[in-house]
Amino acid sequence: MSSPAPSSPCPTSHTSPSRSTSPSSIGSIDLLTPRDTSPTPADEVTHSSIKQEKMALDEATQELADENFKLDRDYTDLKCRKSELETEMEGLSALEEAEKSFKEKRQMLEEKQKGIVETRRKVKEVLLRVKAANMVTALLFIPLVSLEITVISMEVALGWRMLTWGVAMINR
């Protein structure tokens, strides 16, 4: 295989060790022109194999270009899908936040309702006690008043008797 010449101006140029570039050797090279050459079967085979290789290379290049196009399209589709998924994730996270907030508010409401139920129970209990106290008062009021009236009446009657007795004793 050929190796790059260290003093070559182009890093990709290659020189063959058997080839000389001196002016004397250039003159000895006979340049072949298409008129001077006649196609030989080996040249035709080489030419047709080069043509087939070129066609195969073109076909492979086209397949690679098609594959590259498909990959670009798939990449674009995936980017769009990623964007859609990110948007959907944002929506889901907002929905999740709303659901969490709703659950917290519902829990607070349930606690308040439990508090209201407890307060109603206590109010009913207090009202029941008040009604019972009113009933006891009403039931005891009449007898107590009657008893008081009776006691006062007896005191007045006894006091009147004592007064009349005392006056009768003095007058005698």
C-alpha atoms as a PDB file:
ATOM      1  CA  MET A   1       0.000   0.000   0.000  1.00  0.00           C
ATOM      2  CA  SER A   2       1.205   3.520  -0.645  1.00  0.00           C
ATOM      3  CA  SER A   3       2.159   5.909   2.134  1.00  0.00           C
ATOM      4  CA  PRO A   4       1.817   9.690   2.218  1.00  0.00           C
ATOM      5  CA  ALA A   5       4.874  11.628   1.260  1.00  0.00           C
ATOM      6  CA  PRO A   6       6.175  13.768   4.119  1.00  0.00           C
ATOM      7  CA  SER A   7       6.938  16.752   1.860  1.00  0.00           C
ATOM      8  CA  SER A   8       3.739  16.506  -0.154  1.00  0.00           C
ATOM      9  CA  PRO A   9       1.700  19.745  -0.205  1.00  0.00           C
ATOM     10  CA  CYS A  10      -1.570  17.803  -0.008  1.00  0.00           C
ATOM     11  CA  PRO A  11      -1.874  15.418   2.904  1.00  0.00           C
ATOM     12  CA  THR A  12      -4.093  13.108   0.847  1.00  0.00           C
ATOM     13  CA  SER A  13      -1.760  12.728  -2.105  1.00  0.00           C
ATOM     14  CA  HIS A  14       0.008   9.403  -2.377  1.00  0.00           C
ATOM     15  CA  THR A  15       3.103   8.529  -4.340  1.00  0.00           C
ATOM     16  CA  SER A  16       4.069   5.127  -5.461  1.00  0.00           C
ATOM     17  CA  PRO A  17       7.668   4.078  -4.732  1.00  0.00           C
ATOM     18  CA  SER A  18       8.075   2.688  -8.261  1.00  0.00           C
ATOM     19  CA  ARG A  19       6.917   5.846  -9.940  1.00  0.00           C
ATOM     20  CA  SER A  20       9.295   8.699 -10.477  1.00  0.00           C
ATOM     21  CA  THR A  21       8.317  12.300 -11.103  1.00  0.00           C
ATOM     22  CA  SER A  22      11.539  13.441 -12.630  1.00  0.00           C
ATOM     23  CA  PRO A  23      11.340  15.220 -16.011  1.00  0.00           C
ATOM     24  CA  SER A  24      13.225  12.448 -17.770  1.00  0.00           C
ATOM     25  CA  SER A  25      10.744   9.791 -16.693  1.00  0.00           C
ATOM     26  CA  ILE A  26       7.740  11.884 -17.740  1.00  0.00           C
ATOM     27  CA  GLY A  27       8.937  11.936 -21.292  1.00  0.00           C
ATOM     28  CA  SER A  28       9.181   8.172 -21.433  1.00  0.00           C
ATOM     29  CA  ILE A  29       5.533   7.631 -20.449  1.00  0.00           C
ATOM     30  CA  ASP A  30       3.319   7.079 -23.410  1.00  0.00           C
ATOM     31  CA  LEU A  31      -0.074   8.530 -22.854  1.00  0.00           C
ATOM     32  CA  LEU A  32      -2.855   6.412 -24.187  1.00  0.00           C
ATOM     33  CA  THR A  33      -5.773   8.079 -25.828  1.00  0.00           C
ATOM     34  CA  PRO A  34      -9.128   6.504 -26.567  1.00  0.00           C
ATOM     35  CA  ARG A  35      -8.196   6.275 -30.295  1.00  0.00           C
ATOM     36  CA  ASP A  36      -5.103   4.325 -29.528  1.00  0.00           C
ATOM     37  CA  THR A  37      -6.861   1.790 -27.316  1.00  0.00           C
ATOM     38  CA  SER A  38      -9.297  -0.824 -28.287  1.00  0.00           C
ATOM     39  CA  PRO A  39     -11.610  -2.309 -25.731  1.00  0.00           C
ATOM     40  CA  THR A  40     -10.504  -5.661 -24.571  1.00  0.00           C
ATOM     41  CA  PRO A  41     -12.724  -8.190 -22.876  1.00  0.00           C
ATOM     42  CA  ALA A  42     -10.919  -7.627 -19.557  1.00  0.00           C
ATOM     43  CA  ASP A  43     -11.534  -3.869 -19.853  1.00  0.00           C
ATOM     44  CA  GLU A  44     -15.211  -4.469 -20.582  1.00  0.00           C
ATOM     45  CA  VAL A  45     -15.515  -6.792 -17.598  1.00  0.00           C
ATOM     46  CA  THR A  46     -13.727  -4.266 -15.429  1.00  0.00           C
ATOM     47  CA  HIS A  47     -15.858  -1.456 -16.829  1.00  0.00           C
ATOM     48  CA  SER A  48     -19.087  -3.433 -16.324  1.00  0.00           C
ATOM     49  CA  SER A  49     -18.049  -4.500 -12.817  1.00  0.00           C
ATOM     50  CA  ILE A  50     -17.238  -0.861 -11.998  1.00  0.00           C
ATOM     51  CA  LYS A  51     -20.619   0.116 -13.402  1.00  0.00           C
ATOM     52  CA  GLN A  52     -22.311  -2.581 -11.301  1.00  0.00           C
ATOM     53  CA  GLU A  53     -20.382  -1.511  -8.218  1.00  0.00           C
ATOM     54  CA  LYS A  54     -21.323   2.096  -8.906  1.00  0.00           C
ATOM     55  CA  MET A  55     -24.982   1.088  -9.303  1.00  0.00           C
ATOM     56  CA  ALA A  56     -24.784  -0.964  -6.120  1.00  0.00           C
ATOM     57  CA  LEU A  57     -23.131   1.986  -4.377  1.00  0.00           C
ATOM     58  CA  ASP A  58     -25.809   4.349  -5.707  1.00  0.00           C
ATOM     59  CA  GLU A  59     -28.503   1.935  -4.568  1.00  0.00           C
ATOM     60  CA  ALA A  60     -26.911   1.611  -1.121  1.00  0.00           C
ATOM     61  CA  THR A  61     -26.560   5.403  -0.951  1.00  0.00           C
ATOM     62  CA  GLN A  62     -30.234   5.777  -1.864  1.00  0.00           C
ATOM     63  CA  GLU A  63     -31.187   3.209   0.776  1.00  0.00           C
ATOM     64  CA  LEU A  64     -29.096   5.077   3.342  1.00  0.00           C
ATOM     65  CA  ALA A  65     -30.707   8.361   2.293  1.00  0.00           C
ATOM     66  CA  ASP A  66     -34.156   6.765   2.598  1.00  0.00           C
ATOM     67  CA  GLU A  67     -33.228   5.307   5.966  1.00  0.00           C
ATOM     68  CA  ASN A  68     -31.836   8.691   7.053  1.00  0.00           C
ATOM     69  CA  PHE A  69     -35.074  10.356   5.925  1.00  0.00           C
ATOM     70  CA  LYS A  70     -37.115   7.777   7.851  1.00  0.00           C
ATOM     71  CA  LEU A  71     -34.944   8.286  10.919  1.00  0.00           C
ATOM     72  CA  ASP A  72     -35.338  12.072  10.633  1.00  0.00           C
ATOM     73  CA  ARG A  73     -39.096  11.651  10.286  1.00  0.00           C
ATOM     74  CA  ASP A  74     -39.178   9.251  13.238  1.00  0.00           C
ATOM     75  CA  TYR A  75     -37.040  11.672  15.251  1.00  0.00           C
ATOM     76  CA  THR A  76     -39.453  14.502  14.438  1.00  0.00           C
ATOM     77  CA  ASP A  77     -42.417  12.287  15.320  1.00  0.00           C
ATOM     78  CA  LEU A  78     -40.761  11.310  18.593  1.00  0.00           C
ATOM     79  CA  LYS A  79     -40.055  14.961  19.421  1.00  0.00           C
ATOM     80  CA  CYS A  80     -43.715  15.778  18.747  1.00  0.00           C
ATOM     81  CA  ARG A  81     -44.830  12.824  20.854  1.00  0.00           C
ATOM     82  CA  LYS A  82     -42.434  13.880  23.623  1.00  0.00           C
ATOM     83  CA  SER A  83     -43.895  17.381  23.499  1.00  0.00           C
ATOM     84  CA  GLU A  84     -47.419  15.947  23.629  1.00  0.00           C
ATOM     85  CA  LEU A  85     -46.484  13.721  26.546  1.00  0.00           C
ATOM     86  CA  GLU A  86     -44.879  16.625  28.401  1.00  0.00           C
ATOM     87  CA  THR A  87     -48.032  18.682  27.852  1.00  0.00           C
ATOM     88  CA  GLU A  88     -50.127  15.747  29.004  1.00  0.00           C
ATOM     89  CA  MET A  89     -47.877  15.311  32.047  1.00  0.00           C
ATOM     90  CA  GLU A  90     -48.298  18.989  32.909  1.00  0.00           C
ATOM     91  CA  GLY A  91     -52.057  18.596  32.588  1.00  0.00           C
ATOM     92  CA  LEU A  92     -51.996  15.458  34.706  1.00  0.00           C
ATOM     93  CA  SER A  93     -49.856  17.111  37.350  1.00  0.00           C
ATOM     94  CA  ALA A  94     -52.262  20.084  37.426  1.00  0.00           C
ATOM     95  CA  LEU A  95     -55.143  17.628  37.670  1.00  0.00           C
ATOM     96  CA  GLU A  96     -53.327  15.778  40.443  1.00  0.00           C
ATOM     97  CA  GLU A  97     -52.819  19.058  42.327  1.00  0.00           C
ATOM     98  CA  ALA A  98     -56.497  19.919  41.885  1.00  0.00           C
ATOM     99  CA  GLU A  99     -57.482  16.456  43.090  1.00  0.00           C
ATOM    100  CA  LYS A 100     -55.190  16.785  46.116  1.00  0.00           C
ATOM    101  CA  SER A 101     -56.641  20.208  46.905  1.00  0.00           C
ATOM    102  CA  PHE A 102     -60.158  18.825  46.460  1.00  0.00           C
ATOM    103  CA  LYS A 103     -59.420  15.923  48.812  1.00  0.00           C
ATOM    104  CA  GLU A 104     -58.001  18.307  51.433  1.00  0.00           C
ATOM    105  CA  LYS A 105     -61.052  20.571  51.167  1.00  0.00           C
ATOM    106  CA  ARG A 106     -63.398  17.581  51.302  1.00  0.00           C
ATOM    107  CA  GLN A 107     -61.589  16.283  54.396  1.00  0.00           C
ATOM    108  CA  MET A 108     -61.885  19.716  56.040  1.00  0.00           C
ATOM    109  CA  LEU A 109     -65.586  19.811  55.128  1.00  0.00           C
ATOM    110  CA  GLU A 110     -66.116  16.321  56.567  1.00  0.00           C
ATOM    111  CA  GLU A 111     -64.349  17.381  59.776  1.00  0.00           C
ATOM    112  CA  LYS A 112     -66.547  20.491  59.978  1.00  0.00           C
ATOM    113  CA  GLN A 113     -69.633  18.366  59.364  1.00  0.00           C
ATOM    114  CA  LYS A 114     -68.536  15.994  62.129  1.00  0.00           C
ATOM    115  CA  GLY A 115     -68.054  19.047  64.362  1.00  0.00           C
ATOM    116  CA  ILE A 116     -71.504  20.320  63.411  1.00  0.00           C
ATOM    117  CA  VAL A 117     -73.052  16.916  64.143  1.00  0.00           C
ATOM    118  CA  GLU A 118     -71.275  16.832  67.510  1.00  0.00           C
ATOM    119  CA  THR A 119     -72.429  20.380  68.272  1.00  0.00           C
ATOM    120  CA  ARG A 120     -76.014  19.482  67.318  1.00  0.00           C
ATOM    121  CA  ARG A 121     -75.859  16.452  69.588  1.00  0.00           C
ATOM    122  CA  LYS A 122     -74.609  18.622  72.463  1.00  0.00           C
ATOM    123  CA  VAL A 123     -77.278  21.265  71.770  1.00  0.00           C
ATOM    124  CA  LYS A 124     -79.983  18.578  71.762  1.00  0.00           C
ATOM    125  CA  GLU A 125     -78.629  17.244  75.053  1.00  0.00           C
ATOM    126  CA  VAL A 126     -78.630  20.726  76.594  1.00  0.00           C
ATOM    127  CA  LEU A 127     -82.135  21.422  75.262  1.00  0.00           C
ATOM    128  CA  LEU A 128     -83.317  18.130  76.712  1.00  0.00           C
ATOM    129  CA  ARG A 129     -81.878  19.103  80.100  1.00  0.00           C
ATOM    130  CA  VAL A 130     -83.470  22.554  79.880  1.00  0.00           C
ATOM    131  CA  LYS A 131     -86.826  21.002  79.003  1.00  0.00           C
ATOM    132  CA  ALA A 132     -86.458  18.565  81.877  1.00  0.00           C
ATOM    133  CA  ALA A 133     -85.607  21.415  84.244  1.00  0.00           C
ATOM    134  CA  ASN A 134     -88.591  23.403  82.985  1.00  0.00           C
ATOM    135  CA  MET A 135     -90.830  20.392  83.456  1.00  0.00           C
ATOM    136  CA  VAL A 136     -89.549  19.775  86.973  1.00  0.00           C
ATOM    137  CA  THR A 137     -89.969  23.460  87.767  1.00  0.00           C
ATOM    138  CA  ALA A 138     -93.496  23.471  86.367  1.00  0.00           C
ATOM    139  CA  LEU A 139     -94.383  20.314  88.243  1.00  0.00           C
ATOM    140  CA  LEU A 140     -92.914  21.572  91.517  1.00  0.00           C
ATOM    141  CA  PHE A 141     -94.082  25.176  91.158  1.00  0.00           C
ATOM    142  CA  ILE A 142     -97.768  24.521  91.830  1.00  0.00           C
ATOM    143  CA  PRO A 143     -97.250  22.358  94.919  1.00  0.00           C
ATOM    144  CA  LEU A 144     -94.566  24.655  96.300  1.00  0.00           C
ATOM    145  CA  VAL A 145     -96.718  27.723  95.771  1.00  0.00           C
ATOM    146  CA  SER A 146     -99.691  25.938  97.292  1.00  0.00           C
ATOM    147  CA  LEU A 147     -97.570  24.870 100.250  1.00  0.00           C
ATOM    148  CA  GLU A 148     -96.247  28.393 100.686  1.00  0.00           C
ATOM    149  CA  ILE A 149     -99.745  29.809 100.477  1.00  0.00           C
ATOM    150  CA  THR A 150    -100.899  27.297 103.046  1.00  0.00           C
ATOM    151  CA  VAL A 151     -98.000  28.093 105.387  1.00  0.00           C
ATOM    152  CA  ILE A 152     -98.558  31.824 105.041  1.00  0.00           C
ATOM    153  CA  SER A 153    -102.295  31.380 105.552  1.00  0.00           C
ATOM    154  CA  MET A 154    -101.690  29.358 108.700  1.00  0.00           C
ATOM    155  CA  GLU A 155     -99.224  31.929 110.013  1.00  0.00           C
ATOM    156  CA  VAL A 156    -101.675  34.712 109.319  1.00  0.00           C
ATOM    157  CA  ALA A 157    -104.504  32.741 110.915  1.00  0.00           C
ATOM    158  CA  LEU A 158    -102.390  31.858 113.950  1.00  0.00           C
ATOM    159  CA  GLY A 159    -101.118  35.380 114.202  1.00  0.00           C
ATOM    160  CA  TRP A 160    -104.710  36.710 114.074  1.00  0.00           C
ATOM    161  CA  ARG A 161    -105.778  34.261 116.733  1.00  0.00           C
ATOM    162  CA  MET A 162    -102.890  35.220 118.942  1.00  0.00           C
ATOM    163  CA  LEU A 163    -103.692  38.850 118.413  1.00  0.00           C
ATOM    164  CA  THR A 164    -107.343  38.368 119.206  1.00  0.00           C
ATOM    165  CA  TRP A 165    -106.465  36.210 122.213  1.00  0.00           C
ATOM    166  CA  GLY A 166    -103.991  38.803 123.435  1.00  0.00           C
ATOM    167  CA  VAL A 167    -106.585  41.605 123.043  1.00  0.00           C
ATOM    168  CA  ALA A 168    -109.172  39.449 124.785  1.00  0.00           C
ATOM    169  CA  MET A 169    -106.810  38.857 127.650  1.00  0.00           C
ATOM    170  CA  ILE A 170    -106.093  42.510 128.053  1.00  0.00           C
ATOM    171  CA  ASN A 171    -109.752  43.429 127.998  1.00  0.00           C
ATOM    172  CA  ARG A 172    -110.768  41.071 130.570  1.00  0.00           C
END
